PDB file of N, CA and C in Angstrom:
ATOM      1  N   MET A   1     186.659 100.307 213.851  1.00  0.00           N
ATOM      2  CA  MET A   1     186.174  99.574 215.008  1.00  0.00           C
ATOM      3  C   MET A   1     185.410 100.515 215.937  1.00  0.00           C
ATOM      4  N   THR A   2     184.458  99.975 216.649  1.00  0.00           N
ATOM      5  CA  THR A   2     183.707 100.747 217.624  1.00  0.00           C
ATOM      6  C   THR A   2     184.464 100.772 218.948  1.00  0.00           C
ATOM      7  N   VAL A   3     184.082 101.671 219.823  1.00  0.00           N
ATOM      8  CA  VAL A   3     184.727 101.757 221.136  1.00  0.00           C
ATOM      9  C   VAL A   3     184.532 100.451 221.918  1.00  0.00           C
ATOM     10  N   PRO A   4     183.326  99.868 221.960  1.00  0.00           N
ATOM     11  CA  PRO A   4     183.193  98.588 222.670  1.00  0.00           C
ATOM     12  C   PRO A   4     184.106  97.493 222.099  1.00  0.00           C
ATOM     13  N   GLU A   5     184.272  97.470 220.788  1.00  0.00           N
ATOM     14  CA  GLU A   5     185.175  96.489 220.180  1.00  0.00           C
ATOM     15  C   GLU A   5     186.624  96.755 220.583  1.00  0.00           C
ATOM     16  N   ASP A   6     186.999  98.029 220.612  1.00  0.00           N
ATOM     17  CA  ASP A   6     188.356  98.394 221.035  1.00  0.00           C
ATOM     18  C   ASP A   6     188.631  97.941 222.465  1.00  0.00           C
ATOM     19  N   VAL A   7     187.678  98.188 223.361  1.00  0.00           N
ATOM     20  CA  VAL A   7     187.833  97.802 224.765  1.00  0.00           C
ATOM     21  C   VAL A   7     187.926  96.278 224.883  1.00  0.00           C
ATOM     22  N   SER A   8     187.033  95.583 224.220  1.00  0.00           N
ATOM     23  CA  SER A   8     187.034  94.122 224.262  1.00  0.00           C
ATOM     24  C   SER A   8     188.348  93.557 223.714  1.00  0.00           C
ATOM     25  N   ASN A   9     188.806  94.086 222.603  1.00  0.00           N
ATOM     26  CA  ASN A   9     190.060  93.614 222.011  1.00  0.00           C
ATOM     27  C   ASN A   9     191.249  93.878 222.931  1.00  0.00           C
ATOM     28  N   TYR A  10     191.279  95.040 223.561  1.00  0.00           N
ATOM     29  CA  TYR A  10     192.371  95.382 224.477  1.00  0.00           C
ATOM     30  C   TYR A  10     192.445  94.380 225.627  1.00  0.00           C
ATOM     31  N   ILE A  11     191.299  94.076 226.205  1.00  0.00           N
ATOM     32  CA  ILE A  11     191.248  93.135 227.330  1.00  0.00           C
ATOM     33  C   ILE A  11     191.650  91.736 226.869  1.00  0.00           C
ATOM     34  N   THR A  12     191.167  91.341 225.707  1.00  0.00           N
ATOM     35  CA  THR A  12     191.439  89.998 225.186  1.00  0.00           C
ATOM     36  C   THR A  12     192.908  89.831 224.815  1.00  0.00           C
ATOM     37  N   ILE A  13     193.468  90.795 224.114  1.00  0.00           N
ATOM     38  CA  ILE A  13     194.864  90.728 223.675  1.00  0.00           C
ATOM     39  C   ILE A  13     195.815  90.678 224.873  1.00  0.00           C
ATOM     40  N   ASN A  14     195.458  91.361 225.944  1.00  0.00           N
ATOM     41  CA  ASN A  14     196.332  91.471 227.113  1.00  0.00           C
ATOM     42  C   ASN A  14     196.002  90.482 228.222  1.00  0.00           C
ATOM     43  N   ARG A  15     195.260  89.445 227.913  1.00  0.00           N
ATOM     44  CA  ARG A  15     194.959  88.471 228.950  1.00  0.00           C
ATOM     45  C   ARG A  15     196.182  87.704 229.331  1.00  0.00           C
ATOM     46  N   PRO A  16     196.325  87.286 230.528  1.00  0.00           N
ATOM     47  CA  PRO A  16     195.335  87.196 231.599  1.00  0.00           C
ATOM     48  C   PRO A  16     195.328  88.414 232.523  1.00  0.00           C
ATOM     49  N   ASN A  17     195.990  89.500 232.130  1.00  0.00           N
ATOM     50  CA  ASN A  17     196.056  90.682 232.986  1.00  0.00           C
ATOM     51  C   ASN A  17     194.677  91.296 233.208  1.00  0.00           C
ATOM     52  N   ALA A  18     194.530  91.977 234.344  1.00  0.00           N
ATOM     53  CA  ALA A  18     193.286  92.660 234.700  1.00  0.00           C
ATOM     54  C   ALA A  18     193.532  94.165 234.680  1.00  0.00           C
ATOM     55  N   TYR A  19     192.545  94.919 234.228  1.00  0.00           N
ATOM     56  CA  TYR A  19     192.686  96.370 234.088  1.00  0.00           C
ATOM     57  C   TYR A  19     191.490  97.106 234.668  1.00  0.00           C
ATOM     58  N   CYS A  20     191.785  98.256 235.282  1.00  0.00           N
ATOM     59  CA  CYS A  20     190.709  99.120 235.768  1.00  0.00           C
ATOM     60  C   CYS A  20     190.225  99.995 234.610  1.00  0.00           C
ATOM     61  N   ASP A  21     189.067 100.602 234.788  1.00  0.00           N
ATOM     62  CA  ASP A  21     188.482 101.449 233.745  1.00  0.00           C
ATOM     63  C   ASP A  21     189.382 102.639 233.432  1.00  0.00           C
ATOM     64  N   ASP A  22     190.020 103.212 234.449  1.00  0.00           N
ATOM     65  CA  ASP A  22     190.893 104.368 234.227  1.00  0.00           C
ATOM     66  C   ASP A  22     192.065 104.007 233.316  1.00  0.00           C
ATOM     67  N   CYS A  23     192.671 102.868 233.526  1.00  0.00           N
ATOM     68  CA  CYS A  23     193.824 102.471 232.718  1.00  0.00           C
ATOM     69  C   CYS A  23     193.418 102.058 231.304  1.00  0.00           C
ATOM     70  N   ILE A  24     192.249 101.464 231.161  1.00  0.00           N
ATOM     71  CA  ILE A  24     191.740 101.156 229.820  1.00  0.00           C
ATOM     72  C   ILE A  24     191.485 102.459 229.069  1.00  0.00           C
ATOM     73  N   GLN A  25     190.886 103.414 229.748  1.00  0.00           N
ATOM     74  CA  GLN A  25     190.629 104.718 229.135  1.00  0.00           C
ATOM     75  C   GLN A  25     191.932 105.355 228.662  1.00  0.00           C
ATOM     76  N   ALA A  26     192.952 105.345 229.495  1.00  0.00           N
ATOM     77  CA  ALA A  26     194.239 105.948 229.142  1.00  0.00           C
ATOM     78  C   ALA A  26     194.916 105.190 227.998  1.00  0.00           C
ATOM     79  N   ALA A  27     194.897 103.867 228.056  1.00  0.00           N
ATOM     80  CA  ALA A  27     195.564 103.057 227.031  1.00  0.00           C
ATOM     81  C   ALA A  27     194.937 103.245 225.655  1.00  0.00           C
ATOM     82  N   LEU A  28     193.626 103.428 225.635  1.00  0.00           N
ATOM     83  CA  LEU A  28     192.920 103.578 224.356  1.00  0.00           C
ATOM     84  C   LEU A  28     192.687 105.036 223.988  1.00  0.00           C
ATOM     85  N   ASP A  29     193.183 105.951 224.832  1.00  0.00           N
ATOM     86  CA  ASP A  29     193.064 107.387 224.588  1.00  0.00           C
ATOM     87  C   ASP A  29     191.604 107.810 224.372  1.00  0.00           C
ATOM     88  N   LEU A  30     190.750 107.339 225.288  1.00  0.00           N
ATOM     89  CA  LEU A  30     189.325 107.679 225.228  1.00  0.00           C
ATOM     90  C   LEU A  30     189.053 108.871 226.129  1.00  0.00           C
ATOM     91  N   SER A  31     188.047 109.653 225.777  1.00  0.00           N
ATOM     92  CA  SER A  31     187.807 110.903 226.498  1.00  0.00           C
ATOM     93  C   SER A  31     186.999 110.735 227.784  1.00  0.00           C
ATOM     94  N   ARG A  32     186.172 109.676 227.885  1.00  0.00           N
ATOM     95  CA  ARG A  32     185.291 109.553 229.054  1.00  0.00           C
ATOM     96  C   ARG A  32     185.439 108.200 229.738  1.00  0.00           C
ATOM     97  N   ARG A  33     185.809 108.222 231.010  1.00  0.00           N
ATOM     98  CA  ARG A  33     185.906 106.984 231.779  1.00  0.00           C
ATOM     99  C   ARG A  33     184.544 106.330 231.933  1.00  0.00           C
ATOM    100  N   GLN A  34     183.493 107.152 232.011  1.00  0.00           N
ATOM    101  CA  GLN A  34     182.140 106.610 232.180  1.00  0.00           C
ATOM    102  C   GLN A  34     181.758 105.702 231.004  1.00  0.00           C
ATOM    103  N   GLN A  35     182.232 106.049 229.815  1.00  0.00           N
ATOM    104  CA  GLN A  35     181.963 105.218 228.651  1.00  0.00           C
ATOM    105  C   GLN A  35     182.629 103.852 228.815  1.00  0.00           C
ATOM    106  N   VAL A  36     183.857 103.849 229.294  1.00  0.00           N
ATOM    107  CA  VAL A  36     184.580 102.600 229.535  1.00  0.00           C
ATOM    108  C   VAL A  36     183.859 101.800 230.614  1.00  0.00           C
ATOM    109  N   GLN A  37     183.417 102.460 231.672  1.00  0.00           N
ATOM    110  CA  GLN A  37     182.719 101.777 232.770  1.00  0.00           C
ATOM    111  C   GLN A  37     181.450 101.092 232.267  1.00  0.00           C
ATOM    112  N   GLN A  38     180.707 101.746 231.400  1.00  0.00           N
ATOM    113  CA  GLN A  38     179.486 101.137 230.852  1.00  0.00           C
ATOM    114  C   GLN A  38     179.827  99.897 230.029  1.00  0.00           C
ATOM    115  N   ILE A  39     180.885  99.995 229.247  1.00  0.00           N
ATOM    116  CA  ILE A  39     181.293  98.871 228.402  1.00  0.00           C
ATOM    117  C   ILE A  39     181.790  97.706 229.253  1.00  0.00           C
ATOM    118  N   THR A  40     182.666  97.981 230.227  1.00  0.00           N
ATOM    119  CA  THR A  40     183.206  96.896 231.047  1.00  0.00           C
ATOM    120  C   THR A  40     182.121  96.267 231.927  1.00  0.00           C
ATOM    121  N   SER A  41     181.158  97.058 232.356  1.00  0.00           N
ATOM    122  CA  SER A  41     180.036  96.498 233.133  1.00  0.00           C
ATOM    123  C   SER A  41     179.246  95.513 232.286  1.00  0.00           C
ATOM    124  N   SER A  42     179.013  95.870 231.035  1.00  0.00           N
ATOM    125  CA  SER A  42     178.290  94.966 230.125  1.00  0.00           C
ATOM    126  C   SER A  42     179.112  93.727 229.818  1.00  0.00           C
ATOM    127  N   LEU A  43     180.388  93.912 229.522  1.00  0.00           N
ATOM    128  CA  LEU A  43     181.245  92.760 229.239  1.00  0.00           C
ATOM    129  C   LEU A  43     181.335  91.831 230.441  1.00  0.00           C
ATOM    130  N   GLY A  44     181.321  92.397 231.637  1.00  0.00           N
ATOM    131  CA  GLY A  44     181.410  91.613 232.859  1.00  0.00           C
ATOM    132  C   GLY A  44     180.252  90.663 233.067  1.00  0.00           C
ATOM    133  N   LEU A  45     179.156  90.883 232.361  1.00  0.00           N
ATOM    134  CA  LEU A  45     178.000  89.994 232.450  1.00  0.00           C
ATOM    135  C   LEU A  45     178.180  88.740 231.602  1.00  0.00           C
ATOM    136  N   SER A  46     179.140  88.777 230.700  1.00  0.00           N
ATOM    137  CA  SER A  46     179.421  87.655 229.807  1.00  0.00           C
ATOM    138  C   SER A  46     180.320  86.643 230.514  1.00  0.00           C
ATOM    139  N   ALA A  47     180.172  85.385 230.147  1.00  0.00           N
ATOM    140  CA  ALA A  47     181.028  84.338 230.716  1.00  0.00           C
ATOM    141  C   ALA A  47     182.476  84.472 230.239  1.00  0.00           C
ATOM    142  N   ASP A  48     182.709  85.271 229.187  1.00  0.00           N
ATOM    143  CA  ASP A  48     184.051  85.446 228.631  1.00  0.00           C
ATOM    144  C   ASP A  48     184.911  86.401 229.443  1.00  0.00           C
ATOM    145  N   TYR A  49     184.287  87.168 230.329  1.00  0.00           N
ATOM    146  CA  TYR A  49     185.011  88.189 231.093  1.00  0.00           C
ATOM    147  C   TYR A  49     184.724  88.049 232.578  1.00  0.00           C
ATOM    148  N   ASP A  50     185.706  88.457 233.371  1.00  0.00           N
ATOM    149  CA  ASP A  50     185.578  88.423 234.823  1.00  0.00           C
ATOM    150  C   ASP A  50     185.787  89.856 235.326  1.00  0.00           C
ATOM    151  N   ARG A  51     184.746  90.464 235.900  1.00  0.00           N
ATOM    152  CA  ARG A  51     184.832  91.836 236.415  1.00  0.00           C
ATOM    153  C   ARG A  51     184.543  91.815 237.906  1.00  0.00           C
ATOM    154  N   ASN A  52     185.578  92.024 238.698  1.00  0.00           N
ATOM    155  CA  ASN A  52     185.475  91.972 240.158  1.00  0.00           C
ATOM    156  C   ASN A  52     186.477  92.927 240.781  1.00  0.00           C
ATOM    157  N   ASP A  53     186.450  93.030 242.104  1.00  0.00           N
ATOM    158  CA  ASP A  53     187.475  93.787 242.798  1.00  0.00           C
ATOM    159  C   ASP A  53     188.798  93.047 242.657  1.00  0.00           C
ATOM    160  N   GLY A  54     189.856  93.806 242.406  1.00  0.00           N
ATOM    161  CA  GLY A  54     191.166  93.191 242.249  1.00  0.00           C
ATOM    162  C   GLY A  54     192.229  94.255 242.064  1.00  0.00           C
ATOM    163  N   ILE A  55     193.402  93.835 241.650  1.00  0.00           N
ATOM    164  CA  ILE A  55     194.547  94.725 241.450  1.00  0.00           C
ATOM    165  C   ILE A  55     194.723  94.961 239.952  1.00  0.00           C
ATOM    166  N   CYS A  56     194.773  96.211 239.551  1.00  0.00           N
ATOM    167  CA  CYS A  56     194.993  96.570 238.152  1.00  0.00           C
ATOM    168  C   CYS A  56     196.439  96.250 237.770  1.00  0.00           C
ATOM    169  N   SER A  57     196.615  95.603 236.631  1.00  0.00           N
ATOM    170  CA  SER A  57     197.945  95.236 236.149  1.00  0.00           C
ATOM    171  C   SER A  57     198.782  96.434 235.733  1.00  0.00           C
ATOM    172  N   THR A  58     198.139  97.560 235.456  1.00  0.00           N
ATOM    173  CA  THR A  58     198.869  98.742 235.011  1.00  0.00           C
ATOM    174  C   THR A  58     199.220  99.664 236.172  1.00  0.00           C
ATOM    175  N   CYS A  59     198.222 100.102 236.922  1.00  0.00           N
ATOM    176  CA  CYS A  59     198.462 101.111 237.968  1.00  0.00           C
ATOM    177  C   CYS A  59     198.687 100.508 239.347  1.00  0.00           C
ATOM    178  N   GLY A  60     198.342  99.239 239.529  1.00  0.00           N
ATOM    179  CA  GLY A  60     198.545  98.568 240.806  1.00  0.00           C
ATOM    180  C   GLY A  60     197.512  98.904 241.866  1.00  0.00           C
ATOM    181  N   SER A  61     196.502  99.689 241.490  1.00  0.00           N
ATOM    182  CA  SER A  61     195.452 100.053 242.449  1.00  0.00           C
ATOM    183  C   SER A  61     194.496  98.889 242.669  1.00  0.00           C
ATOM    184  N   GLU A  62     193.968  98.821 243.889  1.00  0.00           N
ATOM    185  CA  GLU A  62     192.945  97.830 244.195  1.00  0.00           C
ATOM    186  C   GLU A  62     191.592  98.471 243.976  1.00  0.00           C
ATOM    187  N   LYS A  63     190.886  97.983 242.967  1.00  0.00           N
ATOM    188  CA  LYS A  63     189.569  98.509 242.609  1.00  0.00           C
ATOM    189  C   LYS A  63     188.887  97.532 241.679  1.00  0.00           C
ATOM    190  N   LYS A  64     187.779  97.921 241.104  1.00  0.00           N
ATOM    191  CA  LYS A  64     187.065  97.070 240.156  1.00  0.00           C
ATOM    192  C   LYS A  64     187.913  96.929 238.900  1.00  0.00           C
ATOM    193  N   VAL A  65     188.211  95.684 238.504  1.00  0.00           N
ATOM    194  CA  VAL A  65     189.009  95.403 237.307  1.00  0.00           C
ATOM    195  C   VAL A  65     188.291  94.369 236.444  1.00  0.00           C
ATOM    196  N   ILE A  66     188.721  94.302 235.201  1.00  0.00           N
ATOM    197  CA  ILE A  66     188.156  93.306 234.285  1.00  0.00           C
ATOM    198  C   ILE A  66     189.290  92.563 233.600  1.00  0.00           C
ATOM    199  N   ARG A  67     189.072  91.272 233.362  1.00  0.00           N
ATOM    200  CA  ARG A  67     190.043  90.452 232.644  1.00  0.00           C
ATOM    201  C   ARG A  67     189.257  89.481 231.761  1.00  0.00           C
ATOM    202  N   HIS A  68     189.919  89.000 230.733  1.00  0.00           N
ATOM    203  CA  HIS A  68     189.308  87.979 229.898  1.00  0.00           C
ATOM    204  C   HIS A  68     189.433  86.648 230.627  1.00  0.00           C
ATOM    205  N   ALA A  69     188.341  85.932 230.727  1.00  0.00           N
ATOM    206  CA  ALA A  69     188.324  84.668 231.484  1.00  0.00           C
ATOM    207  C   ALA A  69     189.068  83.561 230.764  1.00  0.00           C
TER     208      ALA A  69
END
């Protein structure tokens, strides 16, 4: 699987929870948060995903999060 597929699957499998880029990076053991940010920004343009300010289900921080719609 590609990294974008891994990120998409993680968000989809764990719906309706919302996750920040940092927690997605940690959960998938990826080396660069910027890579996750690029992927989640692209996914957020799709009607299948909701990317807005909110509370991360993992770390509890208020920041930009993404969830499967």
